[in-house]
N, C-alpha and C. Protein backbone atom coordinates (compact mmCIF):
# COMPACT_ATOMS: atom_id res chain seq x y z
N TYR A 1 -6.13 -9.58 4.72
CA TYR A 1 -5.73 -9.12 3.59
C TYR A 1 -6.12 -10.37 2.43
N VAL A 2 -6.91 -9.88 1.45
CA VAL A 2 -7.00 -10.81 0.37
C VAL A 2 -6.94 -9.91 -1.14
N PHE A 3 -5.97 -10.47 -1.79
CA PHE A 3 -6.03 -9.66 -2.94
C PHE A 3 -7.28 -9.86 -4.03
N GLY A 4 -7.63 -8.94 -4.23
CA GLY A 4 -9.03 -8.64 -5.11
C GLY A 4 -9.88 -8.23 -4.10
N GLY A 5 -9.72 -8.48 -2.96
CA GLY A 5 -10.81 -8.38 -1.73
C GLY A 5 -11.33 -7.30 -1.75
N THR A 6 -13.12 -6.87 -1.28
CA THR A 6 -13.55 -6.25 -1.56
C THR A 6 -14.42 -6.04 -0.48
N THR A 7 -14.44 -7.20 0.69
CA THR A 7 -15.42 -7.30 1.94
C THR A 7 -14.74 -7.30 3.01
N PRO A 8 -15.15 -7.05 4.30
CA PRO A 8 -14.62 -7.11 5.72
C PRO A 8 -13.90 -8.45 5.92
N SER A 9 -14.45 -9.38 4.91
CA SER A 9 -13.90 -11.22 5.24
C SER A 9 -12.54 -10.70 4.96
N GLY A 10 -12.53 -9.93 3.82
CA GLY A 10 -10.96 -10.11 2.86
C GLY A 10 -10.82 -8.59 2.48
N PHE A 11 -9.88 -7.71 2.58
CA PHE A 11 -10.09 -6.21 1.75
C PHE A 11 -8.39 -6.86 0.99
N ASP A 12 -7.92 -6.08 -0.34
CA ASP A 12 -7.17 -5.71 -0.52
C ASP A 12 -7.11 -4.30 -0.87
N CYS A 13 -6.07 -3.29 -1.23
CA CYS A 13 -5.91 -1.81 -0.52
C CYS A 13 -7.12 -0.99 -1.17
N SER A 14 -7.01 -1.07 -2.66
CA SER A 14 -8.19 -0.70 -3.45
C SER A 14 -9.79 -1.10 -2.90
N GLY A 15 -9.87 -2.48 -2.38
CA GLY A 15 -11.04 -2.82 -2.32
C GLY A 15 -11.64 -2.03 -0.92
N TYR A 16 -10.54 -2.08 0.27
CA TYR A 16 -11.05 -1.40 1.27
C TYR A 16 -11.35 -0.07 1.17
N VAL A 17 -10.65 1.23 0.52
CA VAL A 17 -10.96 2.15 0.24
C VAL A 17 -12.18 2.42 -0.56
N ARG A 18 -12.52 1.82 -1.92
CA ARG A 18 -13.95 1.85 -2.00
C ARG A 18 -15.41 1.44 -1.01
N TYR A 19 -14.75 0.42 -0.35
CA TYR A 19 -15.67 -0.28 0.90
C TYR A 19 -15.88 1.36 1.52
N VAL A 20 -14.71 1.86 2.34
CA VAL A 20 -15.44 2.84 3.42
C VAL A 20 -15.96 3.96 2.82
N PHE A 21 -15.32 4.41 1.21
CA PHE A 21 -16.11 5.65 0.23
C PHE A 21 -17.90 5.29 0.06
N ALA A 22 -18.09 3.71 -0.18
CA ALA A 22 -19.62 3.21 -0.56
C ALA A 22 -20.15 3.55 0.88
N ASN A 23 -19.74 3.63 1.89
CA ASN A 23 -20.29 3.41 3.32
C ASN A 23 -21.06 4.97 3.52
N ALA A 24 -19.92 5.73 2.75
CA ALA A 24 -20.18 7.48 3.04
C ALA A 24 -21.19 7.71 1.54
N GLY A 25 -21.63 6.63 0.89
CA GLY A 25 -22.26 7.27 -0.47
C GLY A 25 -21.42 7.85 -1.51
N ILE A 26 -20.23 7.57 -1.61
CA ILE A 26 -19.47 8.04 -2.63
C ILE A 26 -18.37 6.65 -3.15
N TYR A 27 -19.15 6.84 -4.31
CA TYR A 27 -18.67 5.27 -5.29
C TYR A 27 -17.48 5.65 -5.98
N LEU A 28 -16.79 5.03 -6.05
CA LEU A 28 -15.44 4.60 -6.61
C LEU A 28 -15.03 3.53 -7.69
N PRO A 29 -14.36 3.66 -8.18
CA PRO A 29 -13.95 2.47 -9.46
C PRO A 29 -13.35 1.51 -8.81
N ARG A 30 -13.08 0.19 -9.19
CA ARG A 30 -12.47 -0.58 -8.15
C ARG A 30 -11.06 -0.78 -7.88
N MET A 31 -10.32 -0.28 -8.71
CA MET A 31 -9.08 -0.70 -8.70
C MET A 31 -7.99 0.89 -8.72
N ALA A 32 -6.93 0.50 -8.25
CA ALA A 32 -6.21 1.61 -7.51
C ALA A 32 -5.99 2.81 -8.75
N ASP A 33 -5.29 2.06 -10.03
CA ASP A 33 -4.96 3.12 -11.05
C ASP A 33 -6.43 3.49 -11.47
N GLU A 34 -7.22 3.30 -11.74
CA GLU A 34 -8.92 3.88 -11.67
C GLU A 34 -9.29 4.94 -10.96
N GLN A 35 -9.11 4.46 -9.15
CA GLN A 35 -9.00 5.72 -8.66
C GLN A 35 -8.08 6.75 -8.57
N PHE A 36 -7.35 6.50 -9.21
CA PHE A 36 -6.23 7.65 -9.06
C PHE A 36 -7.00 8.51 -10.38
N GLU A 37 -7.48 8.07 -10.86
CA GLU A 37 -7.88 9.25 -12.40
C GLU A 37 -9.35 9.93 -11.85
N VAL A 38 -9.75 9.62 -10.47
CA VAL A 38 -10.90 10.25 -10.14
C VAL A 38 -10.55 11.78 -9.26
N GLY A 39 -11.46 12.50 -8.90
CA GLY A 39 -11.54 13.48 -8.22
C GLY A 39 -10.36 14.59 -8.72
N THR A 40 -9.59 15.53 -7.98
CA THR A 40 -8.72 16.32 -8.17
C THR A 40 -7.54 16.32 -7.47
N PRO A 41 -6.64 16.53 -8.34
CA PRO A 41 -5.32 16.55 -7.59
C PRO A 41 -4.83 17.17 -6.44
N VAL A 42 -4.37 16.74 -5.65
CA VAL A 42 -4.01 17.43 -4.40
C VAL A 42 -2.67 17.80 -4.28
N SER A 43 -1.60 18.56 -3.83
CA SER A 43 -0.20 18.72 -3.43
C SER A 43 -0.36 17.90 -1.66
N THR A 44 1.36 17.60 -1.95
CA THR A 44 1.41 16.96 -0.34
C THR A 44 1.11 18.01 1.05
N ASP A 45 1.54 18.99 0.55
CA ASP A 45 0.78 20.42 1.79
C ASP A 45 -0.18 20.46 1.74
N GLU A 46 -1.11 20.13 1.29
CA GLU A 46 -2.70 20.70 1.04
C GLU A 46 -3.51 18.87 1.37
N LEU A 47 -3.08 18.46 1.89
CA LEU A 47 -3.73 16.92 2.20
C LEU A 47 -4.35 17.29 3.31
N ILE A 48 -5.74 16.29 3.30
CA ILE A 48 -6.80 16.71 4.44
C ILE A 48 -7.44 15.62 4.41
N PRO A 49 -7.82 15.25 5.79
CA PRO A 49 -8.39 14.13 6.12
C PRO A 49 -9.20 13.44 5.09
N GLY A 50 -9.39 12.20 4.49
CA GLY A 50 -10.23 11.89 3.67
C GLY A 50 -9.57 12.00 1.82
N ASP A 51 -8.72 12.18 1.81
CA ASP A 51 -8.22 12.46 0.61
C ASP A 51 -7.37 10.97 0.06
N LEU A 52 -7.13 10.39 -1.02
CA LEU A 52 -6.65 9.41 -1.30
C LEU A 52 -5.25 9.57 -1.54
N VAL A 53 -4.41 8.54 -0.78
CA VAL A 53 -3.03 8.79 -1.55
C VAL A 53 -2.37 7.58 -2.13
N PHE A 54 -1.76 7.65 -2.71
CA PHE A 54 -1.28 6.95 -4.09
C PHE A 54 0.25 6.45 -4.29
N PHE A 55 0.35 5.14 -4.50
CA PHE A 55 1.92 4.65 -4.38
C PHE A 55 1.89 3.47 -5.59
N THR A 56 3.50 3.79 -6.04
CA THR A 56 3.87 2.49 -6.94
C THR A 56 4.09 1.55 -6.12
N THR A 57 4.17 0.55 -5.96
CA THR A 57 4.63 -0.58 -5.29
C THR A 57 5.20 -1.60 -6.43
N TYR A 58 4.10 -2.38 -6.69
CA TYR A 58 4.42 -3.65 -7.49
C TYR A 58 4.50 -3.28 -8.77
N THR A 59 3.87 -2.51 -9.79
CA THR A 59 3.72 -2.22 -10.72
C THR A 59 3.83 -0.75 -11.51
N TYR A 60 4.24 -0.22 -12.23
CA TYR A 60 4.25 0.99 -12.88
C TYR A 60 2.85 1.70 -12.55
N GLY A 61 2.96 2.74 -12.03
CA GLY A 61 1.66 3.82 -11.91
C GLY A 61 0.91 3.57 -10.86
N ALA A 62 -0.06 4.04 -10.25
CA ALA A 62 -0.66 3.67 -8.87
C ALA A 62 -1.24 2.35 -8.75
N SER A 63 -0.86 1.54 -7.82
CA SER A 63 -0.98 0.34 -7.56
C SER A 63 -1.13 -0.13 -5.86
N HIS A 64 -0.94 1.17 -5.16
CA HIS A 64 -1.35 0.81 -3.76
C HIS A 64 -2.32 2.33 -3.10
N VAL A 65 -3.27 2.39 -2.76
CA VAL A 65 -4.15 3.26 -1.78
C VAL A 65 -4.26 3.36 -0.74
N GLY A 66 -4.42 4.12 -0.32
CA GLY A 66 -5.02 4.61 1.20
C GLY A 66 -5.38 5.64 1.56
N ILE A 67 -6.09 5.92 2.53
CA ILE A 67 -6.95 7.15 2.96
C ILE A 67 -6.29 8.00 3.70
N TYR A 68 -5.83 9.04 3.91
CA TYR A 68 -5.09 10.23 4.88
C TYR A 68 -6.18 10.55 5.59
N LEU A 69 -5.27 10.31 6.81
CA LEU A 69 -5.85 10.69 8.16
C LEU A 69 -5.86 11.69 8.68
N GLY A 70 -4.37 12.43 8.50
CA GLY A 70 -3.94 13.82 9.13
C GLY A 70 -2.34 13.34 9.76
N ASP A 71 -1.97 14.59 9.93
CA ASP A 71 -0.78 14.34 10.45
C ASP A 71 0.31 13.34 10.16
N GLY A 72 0.14 13.30 8.78
CA GLY A 72 0.99 12.70 8.05
C GLY A 72 0.67 10.88 8.14
N ASN A 73 -0.33 10.65 8.68
CA ASN A 73 -0.59 9.07 8.59
C ASN A 73 -2.06 8.82 7.33
N PHE A 74 -1.65 7.85 7.26
CA PHE A 74 -3.06 7.05 6.30
C PHE A 74 -3.44 5.50 6.84
N ILE A 75 -4.69 5.51 6.34
CA ILE A 75 -5.16 3.97 6.78
C ILE A 75 -4.74 3.22 5.23
N ASN A 76 -4.52 1.76 5.59
CA ASN A 76 -4.78 1.00 4.15
C ASN A 76 -4.71 -0.11 4.39
N ALA A 77 -5.05 -1.16 3.72
CA ALA A 77 -4.93 -2.50 3.84
C ALA A 77 -3.88 -3.33 2.84
N SER A 78 -2.92 -3.34 3.92
CA SER A 78 -1.57 -4.22 3.12
C SER A 78 -1.46 -5.68 3.36
N SER A 79 -0.79 -5.90 2.29
CA SER A 79 -0.27 -7.44 2.48
C SER A 79 -0.19 -8.40 3.39
N SER A 80 0.65 -7.06 3.95
CA SER A 80 1.70 -7.72 5.37
C SER A 80 0.95 -7.62 6.82
N ARG A 81 -0.15 -6.58 6.69
CA ARG A 81 -0.26 -6.23 8.11
C ARG A 81 -2.13 -6.06 7.96
N GLY A 82 -2.60 -6.38 7.04
CA GLY A 82 -3.89 -5.89 6.81
C GLY A 82 -4.23 -4.57 7.10
N VAL A 83 -5.28 -4.20 7.74
CA VAL A 83 -5.87 -2.97 7.61
C VAL A 83 -4.90 -2.09 8.63
N ALA A 84 -4.18 -1.47 8.28
CA ALA A 84 -3.05 -1.00 9.04
C ALA A 84 -3.25 1.04 9.18
N ILE A 85 -2.52 1.39 10.09
CA ILE A 85 -1.84 2.93 10.11
C ILE A 85 -0.67 3.04 9.31
N ASP A 86 -0.30 3.89 8.63
CA ASP A 86 1.09 3.70 8.09
C ASP A 86 1.56 5.48 8.25
N SER A 87 2.84 5.36 8.05
CA SER A 87 3.22 6.90 7.97
C SER A 87 3.81 7.30 6.03
N LEU A 88 2.69 8.30 5.76
CA LEU A 88 3.23 8.99 4.79
C LEU A 88 4.79 9.05 4.37
N TYR A 89 5.64 9.31 5.33
CA TYR A 89 6.79 9.80 5.34
C TYR A 89 7.88 8.88 5.75
N SER A 90 7.35 7.78 5.87
CA SER A 90 8.23 6.40 6.55
C SER A 90 9.09 6.26 5.12
N SER A 91 10.37 5.70 5.69
CA SER A 91 11.14 5.19 4.57
C SER A 91 10.68 4.23 3.52
N TYR A 92 9.50 3.68 3.43
CA TYR A 92 9.26 2.69 2.50
C TYR A 92 8.12 3.28 1.64
N TRP A 93 6.98 4.13 2.45
CA TRP A 93 5.75 4.62 1.74
C TRP A 93 6.19 5.54 1.29
N GLY A 94 7.18 6.65 1.67
CA GLY A 94 7.54 7.64 0.88
C GLY A 94 8.41 7.80 -0.36
N SER A 95 9.00 6.65 -0.44
CA SER A 95 9.78 6.19 -1.38
C SER A 95 8.79 5.81 -2.64
N CYS A 96 7.46 5.48 -2.38
CA CYS A 96 6.98 4.69 -3.30
C CYS A 96 5.40 5.82 -3.88
N TYR A 97 5.54 6.82 -2.83
CA TYR A 97 4.30 7.94 -3.07
C TYR A 97 4.29 8.61 -4.38
N ILE A 98 3.50 8.71 -4.62
CA ILE A 98 3.24 9.34 -6.44
C ILE A 98 2.37 10.33 -6.16
N GLY A 99 1.48 10.40 -5.60
CA GLY A 99 0.33 11.37 -5.34
C GLY A 99 -0.95 11.53 -4.92
N ALA A 100 -1.80 12.31 -4.48
CA ALA A 100 -3.14 12.07 -3.97
C ALA A 100 -4.29 12.99 -4.97
N ARG A 101 -5.14 12.22 -4.34
CA ARG A 101 -6.59 13.08 -5.18
C ARG A 101 -7.46 13.47 -4.15
N ARG A 102 -8.42 14.42 -3.97
CA ARG A 102 -9.79 14.79 -3.18
C ARG A 102 -10.83 14.32 -4.16
N VAL A 103 -11.49 13.44 -3.48
CA VAL A 103 -13.15 12.89 -4.14
C VAL A 103 -14.18 13.42 -3.42
N MET A 104 -14.00 14.11 -1.89
CA MET A 104 -15.26 14.43 -1.11
C MET A 104 -15.35 15.72 -1.66
């Protein structure tokens, strides 16, 4: 994990999401709060793999982002664990969750 990182040698959350989507030909803004403005809002019960899931962690608004994988799990670049799979419904992530967007 590298704050501000955008390459496989070190990602932050939004850099990781941007990198993954760019490799699929979908170009997203750099920052999580900017990514939160892209695409269509999706309710939690309508999530499908590939949707972006957003959290408020260290500042107001969307400050963390991951990619929904299905079955309540998402992948993200975490400052504590690097690129990792987490549960949307864990006590920590569930309490920080603020919404999702569909960009594909």
